[in-house]
């Protein structure tokens, strides 16, 4: 190996290490921001607190996120990326539509359970829409669209009757939220994912119910 190739290899390794360090620092900042968003109202949380909690200089924080709004968008995007990764890993293309819907319900319930404090404070239409405008991807719309496609597939294959797909999609997502409300109301100690089949049955029963 020549001196030139050695230098090129070292530079490449240094670039990779620098990129990994930046990604880790970004994750560290987002984790601190998420915890602080949970601890206090959005209006009271300030950037200085995030910098201190993440053990980074304030100037470093602003290199990654220009404002509190950007931070919230970043936290939401990171969480939704985790959901996307779980869906990609756990839902196979050759599964039938009903099983895909079951798996998706389970993933949503698991995600909601793990992030319930943040979820109920910040996952609202207005805040999600504002965050989406600061992100490269509107995750909420993406999940609504993919869930709608699964329901359409279920209709085509006879798993579900003809129905209003948009209404059915939003109803399904509302049932996931209802499972969380049940746990809070009853002060339950169960894993939300254990309600997957119940949510699925409720969704299908409603879809197969009487239509005027």
N, C-alpha and C. Protein backbone atom coordinates (compact mmCIF):
# COMPACT_ATOMS: atom_id res chain seq x y z
N UNK A 1 0.85 -1.20 0.00
CA UNK A 1 0.00 0.00 0.00
C UNK A 1 0.88 1.24 0.00
N UNK A 2 0.61 2.15 -0.90
CA UNK A 2 1.41 3.36 -1.03
C UNK A 2 1.03 4.38 0.05
N UNK A 3 1.93 5.38 0.25
CA UNK A 3 1.64 6.43 1.22
C UNK A 3 0.36 7.18 0.87
N UNK A 4 0.14 7.35 -0.44
CA UNK A 4 -1.06 8.07 -0.87
C UNK A 4 -2.32 7.30 -0.52
N UNK A 5 -2.30 5.99 -0.76
CA UNK A 5 -3.49 5.18 -0.46
C UNK A 5 -3.72 5.10 1.05
N UNK A 6 -2.64 5.08 1.82
CA UNK A 6 -2.77 5.08 3.28
C UNK A 6 -3.44 6.35 3.75
N UNK A 7 -3.03 7.49 3.19
CA UNK A 7 -3.62 8.78 3.57
C UNK A 7 -5.09 8.84 3.20
N UNK A 8 -5.43 8.31 2.01
CA UNK A 8 -6.83 8.30 1.57
C UNK A 8 -7.67 7.47 2.52
N UNK A 9 -7.13 6.28 2.91
CA UNK A 9 -7.85 5.40 3.83
C UNK A 9 -8.06 6.07 5.18
N UNK A 10 -7.03 6.74 5.68
CA UNK A 10 -7.14 7.42 6.97
C UNK A 10 -8.18 8.54 6.92
N UNK A 11 -8.18 9.30 5.81
CA UNK A 11 -9.15 10.38 5.66
C UNK A 11 -10.57 9.83 5.61
N UNK A 12 -10.74 8.71 4.89
CA UNK A 12 -12.06 8.11 4.79
C UNK A 12 -12.55 7.64 6.16
N UNK A 13 -11.65 7.00 6.93
CA UNK A 13 -12.02 6.53 8.25
C UNK A 13 -12.35 7.69 9.19
N UNK A 14 -11.59 8.78 9.05
CA UNK A 14 -11.83 9.96 9.87
C UNK A 14 -13.19 10.58 9.54
N UNK A 15 -13.53 10.57 8.25
CA UNK A 15 -14.83 11.11 7.82
C UNK A 15 -15.98 10.29 8.39
N UNK A 16 -15.83 8.96 8.33
CA UNK A 16 -16.86 8.07 8.87
C UNK A 16 -17.02 8.28 10.37
N UNK A 17 -15.90 8.37 11.08
CA UNK A 17 -15.94 8.58 12.53
C UNK A 17 -16.58 9.91 12.88
N UNK A 18 -16.26 10.95 12.09
CA UNK A 18 -16.85 12.27 12.34
C UNK A 18 -18.36 12.23 12.13
N UNK A 19 -18.79 11.52 11.08
CA UNK A 19 -20.22 11.40 10.80
C UNK A 19 -20.93 10.65 11.92
N UNK A 20 -20.32 9.56 12.42
CA UNK A 20 -20.91 8.79 13.50
C UNK A 20 -21.01 9.63 14.77
N UNK A 21 -19.98 10.46 15.03
CA UNK A 21 -19.99 11.33 16.20
C UNK A 21 -21.12 12.35 16.12
N UNK A 22 -21.32 12.91 14.94
CA UNK A 22 -22.39 13.88 14.74
C UNK A 22 -23.76 13.24 14.96
N UNK A 23 -23.92 12.03 14.42
CA UNK A 23 -25.20 11.33 14.59
C UNK A 23 -25.48 11.01 16.05
N UNK A 24 -24.43 10.58 16.77
CA UNK A 24 -24.59 10.26 18.19
C UNK A 24 -24.92 11.52 18.98
N UNK A 25 -24.25 12.63 18.66
CA UNK A 25 -24.52 13.88 19.36
C UNK A 25 -25.95 14.34 19.09
N UNK A 26 -26.41 14.17 17.85
CA UNK A 26 -27.77 14.55 17.51
C UNK A 26 -28.77 13.72 18.31
N UNK A 27 -28.53 12.40 18.40
CA UNK A 27 -29.41 11.53 19.18
C UNK A 27 -29.41 11.93 20.65
N UNK A 28 -28.23 12.30 21.16
CA UNK A 28 -28.12 12.74 22.55
C UNK A 28 -28.93 14.00 22.80
N UNK A 29 -28.86 14.95 21.88
CA UNK A 29 -29.63 16.19 22.01
C UNK A 29 -31.12 15.89 21.96
N UNK A 30 -31.55 15.04 21.04
CA UNK A 30 -32.97 14.72 20.90
C UNK A 30 -33.50 13.99 22.12
N UNK A 31 -32.69 13.11 22.71
CA UNK A 31 -33.13 12.40 23.91
C UNK A 31 -33.31 13.38 25.07
N UNK A 32 -32.39 14.32 25.21
CA UNK A 32 -32.53 15.33 26.26
C UNK A 32 -33.76 16.19 26.02
N UNK A 33 -33.96 16.60 24.77
CA UNK A 33 -35.12 17.42 24.44
C UNK A 33 -36.41 16.68 24.72
N UNK A 34 -36.47 15.42 24.35
CA UNK A 34 -37.68 14.61 24.59
C UNK A 34 -37.99 14.56 26.08
N UNK A 35 -36.99 14.30 26.91
CA UNK A 35 -37.21 14.22 28.35
C UNK A 35 -37.68 15.56 28.92
N UNK A 36 -37.11 16.65 28.44
CA UNK A 36 -37.50 17.96 28.94
C UNK A 36 -38.89 18.35 28.47
N UNK A 37 -39.24 17.98 27.24
CA UNK A 37 -40.59 18.25 26.75
C UNK A 37 -41.63 17.55 27.62
N UNK A 38 -41.28 16.37 28.13
CA UNK A 38 -42.20 15.62 28.98
C UNK A 38 -42.32 16.27 30.36
N UNK A 39 -41.20 16.79 30.86
CA UNK A 39 -41.15 17.30 32.22
C UNK A 39 -41.89 18.62 32.41
N UNK A 40 -41.98 19.42 31.36
CA UNK A 40 -42.59 20.74 31.53
C UNK A 40 -43.35 21.15 30.28
N UNK A 41 -44.25 22.11 30.39
CA UNK A 41 -45.00 22.57 29.21
C UNK A 41 -44.08 23.10 28.13
N UNK A 42 -44.52 22.97 26.90
CA UNK A 42 -43.72 23.38 25.74
C UNK A 42 -43.30 24.85 25.87
N UNK A 43 -44.20 25.70 26.32
CA UNK A 43 -43.92 27.14 26.39
C UNK A 43 -42.81 27.45 27.38
N UNK A 44 -42.61 26.60 28.39
CA UNK A 44 -41.62 26.87 29.42
C UNK A 44 -40.24 26.29 29.11
N UNK A 45 -40.17 25.38 28.18
CA UNK A 45 -38.90 24.75 27.87
C UNK A 45 -38.04 25.69 27.02
N UNK A 46 -36.75 25.86 27.40
CA UNK A 46 -35.86 26.76 26.67
C UNK A 46 -34.64 25.99 26.18
N UNK A 47 -34.01 26.52 25.14
CA UNK A 47 -32.90 25.85 24.49
C UNK A 47 -31.70 25.67 25.43
N UNK A 48 -31.49 26.63 26.31
CA UNK A 48 -30.36 26.54 27.24
C UNK A 48 -30.44 25.26 28.08
N UNK A 49 -31.65 24.90 28.49
CA UNK A 49 -31.84 23.70 29.31
C UNK A 49 -31.46 22.45 28.53
N UNK A 50 -31.82 22.42 27.27
CA UNK A 50 -31.48 21.27 26.43
C UNK A 50 -29.97 21.14 26.30
N UNK A 51 -29.29 22.25 26.06
CA UNK A 51 -27.83 22.22 25.93
C UNK A 51 -27.18 21.69 27.20
N UNK A 52 -27.64 22.17 28.35
CA UNK A 52 -27.07 21.72 29.62
C UNK A 52 -27.33 20.24 29.84
N UNK A 53 -28.55 19.80 29.58
CA UNK A 53 -28.90 18.40 29.82
C UNK A 53 -28.15 17.47 28.87
N UNK A 54 -27.93 17.92 27.64
CA UNK A 54 -27.24 17.10 26.64
C UNK A 54 -25.72 17.22 26.74
N UNK A 55 -25.25 18.11 27.63
CA UNK A 55 -23.81 18.32 27.83
C UNK A 55 -23.11 18.79 26.55
N UNK A 56 -23.76 19.73 25.89
CA UNK A 56 -23.17 20.36 24.71
C UNK A 56 -23.22 21.87 24.87
N UNK A 57 -22.34 22.56 24.17
CA UNK A 57 -22.36 24.02 24.20
C UNK A 57 -23.62 24.52 23.49
N UNK A 58 -24.08 25.68 23.90
CA UNK A 58 -25.28 26.24 23.28
C UNK A 58 -25.07 26.45 21.78
N UNK A 59 -23.87 26.90 21.41
CA UNK A 59 -23.57 27.08 19.99
C UNK A 59 -23.64 25.78 19.22
N UNK A 60 -23.19 24.69 19.87
CA UNK A 60 -23.26 23.38 19.22
C UNK A 60 -24.70 22.96 19.01
N UNK A 61 -25.54 23.21 20.02
CA UNK A 61 -26.96 22.88 19.88
C UNK A 61 -27.57 23.58 18.67
N UNK A 62 -27.24 24.86 18.49
CA UNK A 62 -27.83 25.62 17.39
C UNK A 62 -27.29 25.19 16.03
N UNK A 63 -26.18 24.47 16.01
CA UNK A 63 -25.69 23.91 14.74
C UNK A 63 -26.62 22.80 14.25
N UNK A 64 -27.27 22.14 15.20
CA UNK A 64 -28.16 21.02 14.87
C UNK A 64 -29.62 21.47 14.76
N UNK A 65 -30.03 22.34 15.65
CA UNK A 65 -31.43 22.78 15.69
C UNK A 65 -31.48 24.29 15.93
N UNK A 66 -32.15 24.99 15.04
CA UNK A 66 -32.15 26.45 15.08
C UNK A 66 -33.14 27.02 16.09
N UNK A 67 -34.11 26.22 16.51
CA UNK A 67 -35.15 26.73 17.40
C UNK A 67 -35.80 25.59 18.15
N UNK A 68 -36.63 25.94 19.12
CA UNK A 68 -37.38 24.94 19.89
C UNK A 68 -38.34 24.19 18.97
N UNK A 69 -38.88 24.89 17.99
CA UNK A 69 -39.79 24.26 17.03
C UNK A 69 -39.06 23.18 16.23
N UNK A 70 -37.82 23.49 15.84
CA UNK A 70 -37.02 22.50 15.12
C UNK A 70 -36.72 21.29 16.00
N UNK A 71 -36.49 21.55 17.28
CA UNK A 71 -36.23 20.45 18.22
C UNK A 71 -37.43 19.52 18.33
N UNK A 72 -38.62 20.11 18.48
CA UNK A 72 -39.82 19.30 18.58
C UNK A 72 -40.02 18.48 17.31
N UNK A 73 -39.79 19.12 16.18
CA UNK A 73 -39.90 18.40 14.90
C UNK A 73 -38.91 17.25 14.84
N UNK A 74 -37.69 17.51 15.35
CA UNK A 74 -36.67 16.47 15.36
C UNK A 74 -37.03 15.30 16.25
N UNK A 75 -37.60 15.59 17.42
CA UNK A 75 -38.01 14.53 18.34
C UNK A 75 -39.12 13.68 17.71
N UNK A 76 -40.11 14.34 17.14
CA UNK A 76 -41.21 13.62 16.49
C UNK A 76 -40.70 12.77 15.33
N UNK A 77 -39.80 13.34 14.54
CA UNK A 77 -39.28 12.59 13.39
C UNK A 77 -38.48 11.37 13.84
N UNK A 78 -37.68 11.53 14.88
CA UNK A 78 -36.90 10.40 15.40
C UNK A 78 -37.82 9.29 15.88
N UNK A 79 -38.88 9.66 16.58
CA UNK A 79 -39.82 8.66 17.08
C UNK A 79 -40.52 7.95 15.93
N UNK A 80 -40.94 8.70 14.93
CA UNK A 80 -41.64 8.10 13.79
C UNK A 80 -40.69 7.25 12.95
N UNK A 81 -39.41 7.61 12.92
CA UNK A 81 -38.43 6.77 12.22
C UNK A 81 -38.33 5.41 12.90
N UNK A 82 -38.46 5.39 14.22
CA UNK A 82 -38.44 4.13 14.95
C UNK A 82 -39.66 3.27 14.58
N UNK A 83 -40.81 3.92 14.44
CA UNK A 83 -42.02 3.20 14.01
C UNK A 83 -41.83 2.64 12.60
N UNK A 84 -41.31 3.48 11.71
CA UNK A 84 -41.08 3.03 10.33
C UNK A 84 -40.14 1.83 10.29
N UNK A 85 -39.08 1.87 11.11
CA UNK A 85 -38.12 0.77 11.14
C UNK A 85 -38.77 -0.52 11.63
N UNK A 86 -39.63 -0.40 12.64
CA UNK A 86 -40.33 -1.58 13.17
C UNK A 86 -41.28 -2.16 12.12
N UNK A 87 -41.98 -1.30 11.41
CA UNK A 87 -42.90 -1.76 10.36
C UNK A 87 -42.13 -2.47 9.26
N UNK A 88 -41.01 -1.88 8.87
CA UNK A 88 -40.18 -2.49 7.81
C UNK A 88 -39.66 -3.85 8.24
N UNK A 89 -39.33 -3.99 9.53
CA UNK A 89 -38.73 -5.23 10.03
C UNK A 89 -39.78 -6.31 10.28
N UNK A 90 -40.96 -5.92 10.76
CA UNK A 90 -41.92 -6.90 11.24
C UNK A 90 -43.03 -7.25 10.25
N UNK A 91 -43.25 -6.40 9.26
CA UNK A 91 -44.33 -6.66 8.31
C UNK A 91 -43.73 -7.08 6.97
N UNK A 92 -44.05 -8.30 6.58
CA UNK A 92 -43.51 -8.87 5.35
C UNK A 92 -44.49 -8.68 4.18
N UNK A 93 -43.93 -8.54 3.00
CA UNK A 93 -44.75 -8.27 1.82
C UNK A 93 -45.72 -9.40 1.52
N UNK A 94 -45.35 -10.65 1.87
CA UNK A 94 -46.21 -11.79 1.52
C UNK A 94 -47.30 -12.06 2.57
N UNK A 95 -47.38 -11.26 3.61
CA UNK A 95 -48.46 -11.41 4.58
C UNK A 95 -49.78 -10.96 3.97
N UNK A 96 -50.89 -11.55 4.42
CA UNK A 96 -52.18 -11.08 3.92
C UNK A 96 -52.53 -9.75 4.58
N UNK A 97 -53.52 -9.08 4.03
CA UNK A 97 -53.86 -7.73 4.49
C UNK A 97 -54.25 -7.71 5.96
N UNK A 98 -55.02 -8.72 6.39
CA UNK A 98 -55.47 -8.76 7.78
C UNK A 98 -54.28 -8.85 8.74
N UNK A 99 -53.32 -9.70 8.40
CA UNK A 99 -52.15 -9.86 9.27
C UNK A 99 -51.30 -8.59 9.28
N UNK A 100 -51.19 -7.93 8.14
CA UNK A 100 -50.45 -6.67 8.08
C UNK A 100 -51.09 -5.62 8.98
N UNK A 101 -52.42 -5.58 8.96
CA UNK A 101 -53.14 -4.62 9.82
C UNK A 101 -52.92 -4.97 11.28
N UNK A 102 -52.99 -6.27 11.63
CA UNK A 102 -52.74 -6.70 13.01
C UNK A 102 -51.35 -6.27 13.47
N UNK A 103 -50.35 -6.54 12.64
CA UNK A 103 -48.98 -6.20 13.01
C UNK A 103 -48.81 -4.69 13.17
N UNK A 104 -49.43 -3.95 12.29
CA UNK A 104 -49.31 -2.48 12.36
C UNK A 104 -49.97 -1.96 13.65
N UNK A 105 -51.12 -2.53 14.01
CA UNK A 105 -51.78 -2.14 15.26
C UNK A 105 -50.84 -2.41 16.44
N UNK A 106 -50.21 -3.58 16.45
CA UNK A 106 -49.30 -3.93 17.54
C UNK A 106 -48.14 -2.96 17.66
N UNK A 107 -47.59 -2.58 16.52
CA UNK A 107 -46.46 -1.63 16.52
C UNK A 107 -46.91 -0.27 17.03
N UNK A 108 -48.07 0.20 16.58
CA UNK A 108 -48.58 1.50 17.03
C UNK A 108 -48.83 1.48 18.55
N UNK A 109 -49.41 0.38 19.05
CA UNK A 109 -49.68 0.29 20.48
C UNK A 109 -48.38 0.27 21.29
N UNK A 110 -47.40 -0.46 20.80
CA UNK A 110 -46.10 -0.52 21.48
C UNK A 110 -45.45 0.86 21.52
N UNK A 111 -45.47 1.54 20.38
CA UNK A 111 -44.90 2.88 20.28
C UNK A 111 -45.61 3.85 21.22
N UNK A 112 -46.94 3.78 21.25
CA UNK A 112 -47.72 4.67 22.11
C UNK A 112 -47.43 4.39 23.58
N UNK A 113 -47.33 3.12 23.94
CA UNK A 113 -47.09 2.74 25.33
C UNK A 113 -45.73 3.25 25.82
N UNK A 114 -44.73 3.09 24.98
CA UNK A 114 -43.38 3.48 25.37
C UNK A 114 -43.21 5.00 25.46
N UNK A 115 -44.06 5.72 24.75
CA UNK A 115 -43.91 7.18 24.68
C UNK A 115 -45.19 7.89 25.10
N UNK A 116 -45.94 7.29 26.03
CA UNK A 116 -47.28 7.79 26.32
C UNK A 116 -47.29 9.23 26.86
N UNK A 117 -46.30 9.59 27.71
CA UNK A 117 -46.30 10.96 28.25
C UNK A 117 -46.11 11.97 27.13
N UNK A 118 -45.14 11.70 26.27
CA UNK A 118 -44.89 12.60 25.15
C UNK A 118 -46.05 12.57 24.16
N UNK A 119 -46.56 11.37 23.91
CA UNK A 119 -47.62 11.18 22.92
C UNK A 119 -48.84 12.04 23.23
N UNK A 120 -49.32 12.00 24.47
CA UNK A 120 -50.55 12.71 24.79
C UNK A 120 -50.35 14.21 24.93
N UNK A 121 -49.13 14.64 25.14
CA UNK A 121 -48.89 16.08 25.24
C UNK A 121 -48.64 16.71 23.88
N UNK A 122 -47.97 15.99 23.00
CA UNK A 122 -47.48 16.63 21.78
C UNK A 122 -48.01 16.06 20.47
N UNK A 123 -48.52 14.84 20.47
CA UNK A 123 -49.01 14.28 19.20
C UNK A 123 -50.45 14.73 19.00
N UNK A 124 -50.57 16.00 18.59
CA UNK A 124 -51.86 16.61 18.25
C UNK A 124 -51.79 17.06 16.80
N UNK A 125 -52.93 17.19 16.12
CA UNK A 125 -52.89 17.58 14.71
C UNK A 125 -52.10 18.87 14.44
N UNK A 126 -52.28 19.89 15.29
CA UNK A 126 -51.61 21.16 15.06
C UNK A 126 -50.11 21.04 15.19
N UNK A 127 -49.65 20.38 16.27
CA UNK A 127 -48.21 20.26 16.48
C UNK A 127 -47.57 19.33 15.46
N UNK A 128 -48.26 18.24 15.11
CA UNK A 128 -47.72 17.33 14.09
C UNK A 128 -47.62 18.03 12.74
N UNK A 129 -48.64 18.83 12.40
CA UNK A 129 -48.61 19.57 11.15
C UNK A 129 -47.47 20.58 11.13
N UNK A 130 -47.28 21.28 12.25
CA UNK A 130 -46.20 22.27 12.34
C UNK A 130 -44.84 21.58 12.23
N UNK A 131 -44.71 20.43 12.88
CA UNK A 131 -43.45 19.69 12.82
C UNK A 131 -43.19 19.16 11.42
N UNK A 132 -44.24 18.72 10.75
CA UNK A 132 -44.10 18.18 9.40
C UNK A 132 -43.59 19.24 8.43
N UNK A 133 -44.00 20.49 8.65
CA UNK A 133 -43.55 21.58 7.78
C UNK A 133 -42.06 21.84 7.92
N UNK A 134 -41.47 21.41 9.05
CA UNK A 134 -40.05 21.59 9.28
C UNK A 134 -39.25 20.33 8.96
N UNK A 135 -39.94 19.29 8.55
CA UNK A 135 -39.30 18.01 8.27
C UNK A 135 -39.36 17.72 6.79
N UNK A 136 -38.51 16.79 6.35
CA UNK A 136 -38.50 16.39 4.95
C UNK A 136 -39.63 15.41 4.64
N UNK A 137 -40.29 14.91 5.67
CA UNK A 137 -41.31 13.89 5.46
C UNK A 137 -42.46 14.10 6.42
N UNK A 138 -43.68 14.06 5.91
CA UNK A 138 -44.86 14.14 6.75
C UNK A 138 -45.21 12.71 7.16
N UNK A 139 -44.73 12.31 8.34
CA UNK A 139 -44.89 10.92 8.77
C UNK A 139 -46.35 10.57 9.00
N UNK A 140 -47.11 11.50 9.57
CA UNK A 140 -48.52 11.21 9.85
C UNK A 140 -49.27 10.91 8.56
N UNK A 141 -49.10 11.76 7.57
CA UNK A 141 -49.77 11.54 6.29
C UNK A 141 -49.30 10.25 5.63
N UNK A 142 -48.01 9.95 5.80
CA UNK A 142 -47.47 8.71 5.24
C UNK A 142 -48.12 7.49 5.87
N UNK A 143 -48.30 7.50 7.20
CA UNK A 143 -48.91 6.36 7.88
C UNK A 143 -50.40 6.26 7.56
N UNK A 144 -51.07 7.39 7.42
CA UNK A 144 -52.47 7.36 7.01
C UNK A 144 -52.60 6.76 5.62
N UNK A 145 -51.70 7.16 4.72
CA UNK A 145 -51.74 6.67 3.34
C UNK A 145 -51.47 5.17 3.27
N UNK A 146 -50.44 4.69 3.99
CA UNK A 146 -50.11 3.27 3.93
C UNK A 146 -51.19 2.41 4.61
N UNK A 147 -51.76 2.91 5.69
CA UNK A 147 -52.85 2.18 6.35
C UNK A 147 -54.07 2.12 5.43
N UNK A 148 -54.34 3.22 4.73
CA UNK A 148 -55.46 3.24 3.78
C UNK A 148 -55.25 2.20 2.68
N UNK A 149 -54.02 2.08 2.21
CA UNK A 149 -53.73 1.09 1.17
C UNK A 149 -53.95 -0.34 1.68
N UNK A 150 -53.59 -0.58 2.93
CA UNK A 150 -53.82 -1.91 3.51
C UNK A 150 -55.32 -2.21 3.60
N UNK A 151 -56.09 -1.22 3.98
CA UNK A 151 -57.54 -1.41 4.08
C UNK A 151 -58.13 -1.65 2.69
N UNK A 152 -57.66 -0.90 1.70
CA UNK A 152 -58.11 -1.14 0.33
C UNK A 152 -57.77 -2.56 -0.12
N UNK A 153 -56.58 -3.01 0.24
CA UNK A 153 -56.17 -4.37 -0.10
C UNK A 153 -57.10 -5.38 0.57
N UNK A 154 -57.46 -5.10 1.83
CA UNK A 154 -58.38 -5.98 2.54
C UNK A 154 -59.74 -6.04 1.88
N UNK A 155 -60.21 -4.91 1.36
CA UNK A 155 -61.48 -4.87 0.65
C UNK A 155 -61.39 -5.69 -0.64
N UNK A 156 -60.30 -5.49 -1.38
CA UNK A 156 -60.13 -6.21 -2.66
C UNK A 156 -60.10 -7.73 -2.44
N UNK A 157 -59.49 -8.15 -1.35
CA UNK A 157 -59.32 -9.58 -1.10
C UNK A 157 -60.46 -10.18 -0.28
N UNK A 158 -61.45 -9.36 0.05
CA UNK A 158 -62.62 -9.87 0.74
C UNK A 158 -62.49 -9.96 2.25
N UNK A 159 -61.37 -9.47 2.81
CA UNK A 159 -61.21 -9.48 4.27
C UNK A 159 -62.12 -8.43 4.92
N UNK A 160 -62.41 -7.37 4.18
CA UNK A 160 -63.26 -6.28 4.67
C UNK A 160 -64.32 -5.99 3.62
N UNK A 161 -65.46 -5.47 4.05
CA UNK A 161 -66.51 -5.11 3.08
C UNK A 161 -66.19 -3.78 2.43
N UNK A 162 -66.96 -3.39 1.44
CA UNK A 162 -66.81 -2.06 0.86
C UNK A 162 -67.09 -1.02 1.94
N UNK A 163 -66.23 -0.03 2.05
CA UNK A 163 -66.40 0.98 3.09
C UNK A 163 -65.70 2.27 2.71
N UNK A 164 -65.94 3.28 3.50
CA UNK A 164 -65.27 4.57 3.33
C UNK A 164 -63.86 4.40 3.89
N UNK A 165 -62.86 4.34 3.02
CA UNK A 165 -61.50 4.00 3.42
C UNK A 165 -60.91 5.06 4.34
N UNK A 166 -61.14 6.33 4.03
CA UNK A 166 -60.59 7.40 4.87
C UNK A 166 -61.16 7.31 6.28
N UNK A 167 -62.48 7.14 6.38
CA UNK A 167 -63.13 7.02 7.68
C UNK A 167 -62.61 5.81 8.43
N UNK A 168 -62.47 4.69 7.73
CA UNK A 168 -62.00 3.45 8.36
C UNK A 168 -60.57 3.61 8.86
N UNK A 169 -59.73 4.28 8.09
CA UNK A 169 -58.33 4.48 8.48
C UNK A 169 -58.23 5.31 9.75
N UNK A 170 -58.94 6.42 9.78
CA UNK A 170 -58.91 7.29 10.95
C UNK A 170 -59.54 6.62 12.16
N UNK A 171 -60.57 5.79 11.92
CA UNK A 171 -61.19 5.05 13.01
C UNK A 171 -60.21 4.05 13.62
N UNK A 172 -59.44 3.39 12.77
CA UNK A 172 -58.46 2.43 13.26
C UNK A 172 -57.41 3.12 14.13
N UNK A 173 -56.91 4.26 13.68
CA UNK A 173 -55.93 5.01 14.46
C UNK A 173 -56.55 5.52 15.76
N UNK A 174 -57.84 5.87 15.71
CA UNK A 174 -58.52 6.32 16.93
C UNK A 174 -58.68 5.18 17.93
N UNK A 175 -58.87 3.97 17.45
CA UNK A 175 -58.97 2.82 18.35
C UNK A 175 -57.65 2.58 19.08
N UNK A 176 -56.53 2.85 18.41
CA UNK A 176 -55.23 2.73 19.07
C UNK A 176 -55.15 3.73 20.23
N UNK A 177 -55.59 4.95 19.96
CA UNK A 177 -55.61 5.96 21.02
C UNK A 177 -56.58 5.58 22.14
N UNK A 178 -57.71 5.00 21.76
CA UNK A 178 -58.69 4.59 22.77
C UNK A 178 -58.11 3.53 23.71
N UNK A 179 -57.28 2.65 23.17
CA UNK A 179 -56.65 1.63 24.02
C UNK A 179 -55.75 2.28 25.06
N UNK A 180 -55.07 3.36 24.66
CA UNK A 180 -54.23 4.09 25.61
C UNK A 180 -55.08 4.78 26.67
N UNK A 181 -56.20 5.37 26.25
CA UNK A 181 -57.10 6.04 27.20
C UNK A 181 -57.67 5.04 28.21
N UNK A 182 -57.97 3.83 27.73
CA UNK A 182 -58.46 2.79 28.64
C UNK A 182 -57.43 2.50 29.72
N UNK A 183 -56.17 2.39 29.32
CA UNK A 183 -55.11 2.08 30.28
C UNK A 183 -54.97 3.18 31.32
N UNK A 184 -55.07 4.44 30.87
CA UNK A 184 -54.97 5.57 31.79
C UNK A 184 -56.17 5.61 32.73
N UNK A 185 -57.37 5.47 32.15
CA UNK A 185 -58.61 5.55 32.94
C UNK A 185 -58.67 4.45 34.00
N UNK A 186 -58.25 3.25 33.61
CA UNK A 186 -58.32 2.12 34.53
C UNK A 186 -57.04 1.94 35.34
N UNK A 187 -56.09 2.84 35.10
CA UNK A 187 -54.78 2.74 35.78
C UNK A 187 -54.20 1.35 35.59
N UNK A 188 -54.27 0.89 34.36
CA UNK A 188 -53.82 -0.46 34.05
C UNK A 188 -52.32 -0.59 34.04
N UNK A 189 -51.86 -1.80 34.34
CA UNK A 189 -50.42 -2.08 34.32
C UNK A 189 -50.06 -3.05 33.20
N UNK A 190 -50.98 -3.27 32.27
CA UNK A 190 -50.73 -4.20 31.18
C UNK A 190 -49.96 -3.51 30.04
N UNK A 191 -49.33 -4.32 29.21
CA UNK A 191 -48.70 -3.82 28.00
C UNK A 191 -49.79 -3.53 26.98
N UNK A 192 -49.73 -2.35 26.39
CA UNK A 192 -50.76 -2.00 25.40
C UNK A 192 -50.78 -2.97 24.23
N UNK A 193 -49.62 -3.50 23.88
CA UNK A 193 -49.56 -4.40 22.73
C UNK A 193 -50.44 -5.63 22.93
N UNK A 194 -50.71 -5.96 24.19
CA UNK A 194 -51.59 -7.09 24.47
C UNK A 194 -53.03 -6.83 24.03
N UNK A 195 -53.34 -5.58 23.71
CA UNK A 195 -54.68 -5.22 23.25
C UNK A 195 -54.79 -5.26 21.71
N UNK A 196 -53.75 -5.71 21.06
CA UNK A 196 -53.73 -5.68 19.58
C UNK A 196 -54.92 -6.41 18.97
N UNK A 197 -55.15 -7.64 19.43
CA UNK A 197 -56.23 -8.44 18.85
C UNK A 197 -57.58 -7.82 19.16
N UNK A 198 -57.72 -7.26 20.35
CA UNK A 198 -58.98 -6.62 20.72
C UNK A 198 -59.26 -5.42 19.84
N UNK A 199 -58.23 -4.62 19.59
CA UNK A 199 -58.39 -3.46 18.70
C UNK A 199 -58.73 -3.92 17.29
N UNK A 200 -58.04 -4.96 16.82
CA UNK A 200 -58.32 -5.48 15.48
C UNK A 200 -59.75 -5.98 15.38
N UNK A 201 -60.20 -6.75 16.36
CA UNK A 201 -61.57 -7.28 16.34
C UNK A 201 -62.60 -6.15 16.38
N UNK A 202 -62.32 -5.13 17.19
CA UNK A 202 -63.24 -4.00 17.26
C UNK A 202 -63.32 -3.28 15.92
N UNK A 203 -62.17 -3.15 15.27
CA UNK A 203 -62.14 -2.49 13.96
C UNK A 203 -62.92 -3.30 12.93
N UNK A 204 -62.68 -4.59 12.87
CA UNK A 204 -63.34 -5.43 11.87
C UNK A 204 -64.83 -5.54 12.17
N UNK A 205 -65.20 -5.67 13.43
CA UNK A 205 -66.61 -5.75 13.79
C UNK A 205 -67.35 -4.48 13.36
N UNK A 206 -66.70 -3.33 13.60
CA UNK A 206 -67.31 -2.07 13.18
C UNK A 206 -67.44 -2.00 11.67
N UNK A 207 -66.41 -2.45 10.97
CA UNK A 207 -66.43 -2.40 9.52
C UNK A 207 -67.49 -3.33 8.95
N UNK A 208 -67.79 -4.44 9.65
CA UNK A 208 -68.77 -5.41 9.16
C UNK A 208 -70.17 -5.15 9.71
N UNK A 209 -70.28 -4.10 10.51
CA UNK A 209 -71.58 -3.78 11.08
C UNK A 209 -72.56 -3.23 10.08
N UNK A 210 -73.72 -2.81 10.57
CA UNK A 210 -74.77 -2.32 9.69
C UNK A 210 -74.37 -1.02 9.01
N UNK A 211 -74.64 -0.91 7.73
CA UNK A 211 -74.38 0.32 6.98
C UNK A 211 -75.70 0.81 6.41
N UNK A 212 -75.97 2.08 6.61
CA UNK A 212 -77.22 2.65 6.09
C UNK A 212 -77.07 2.96 4.60
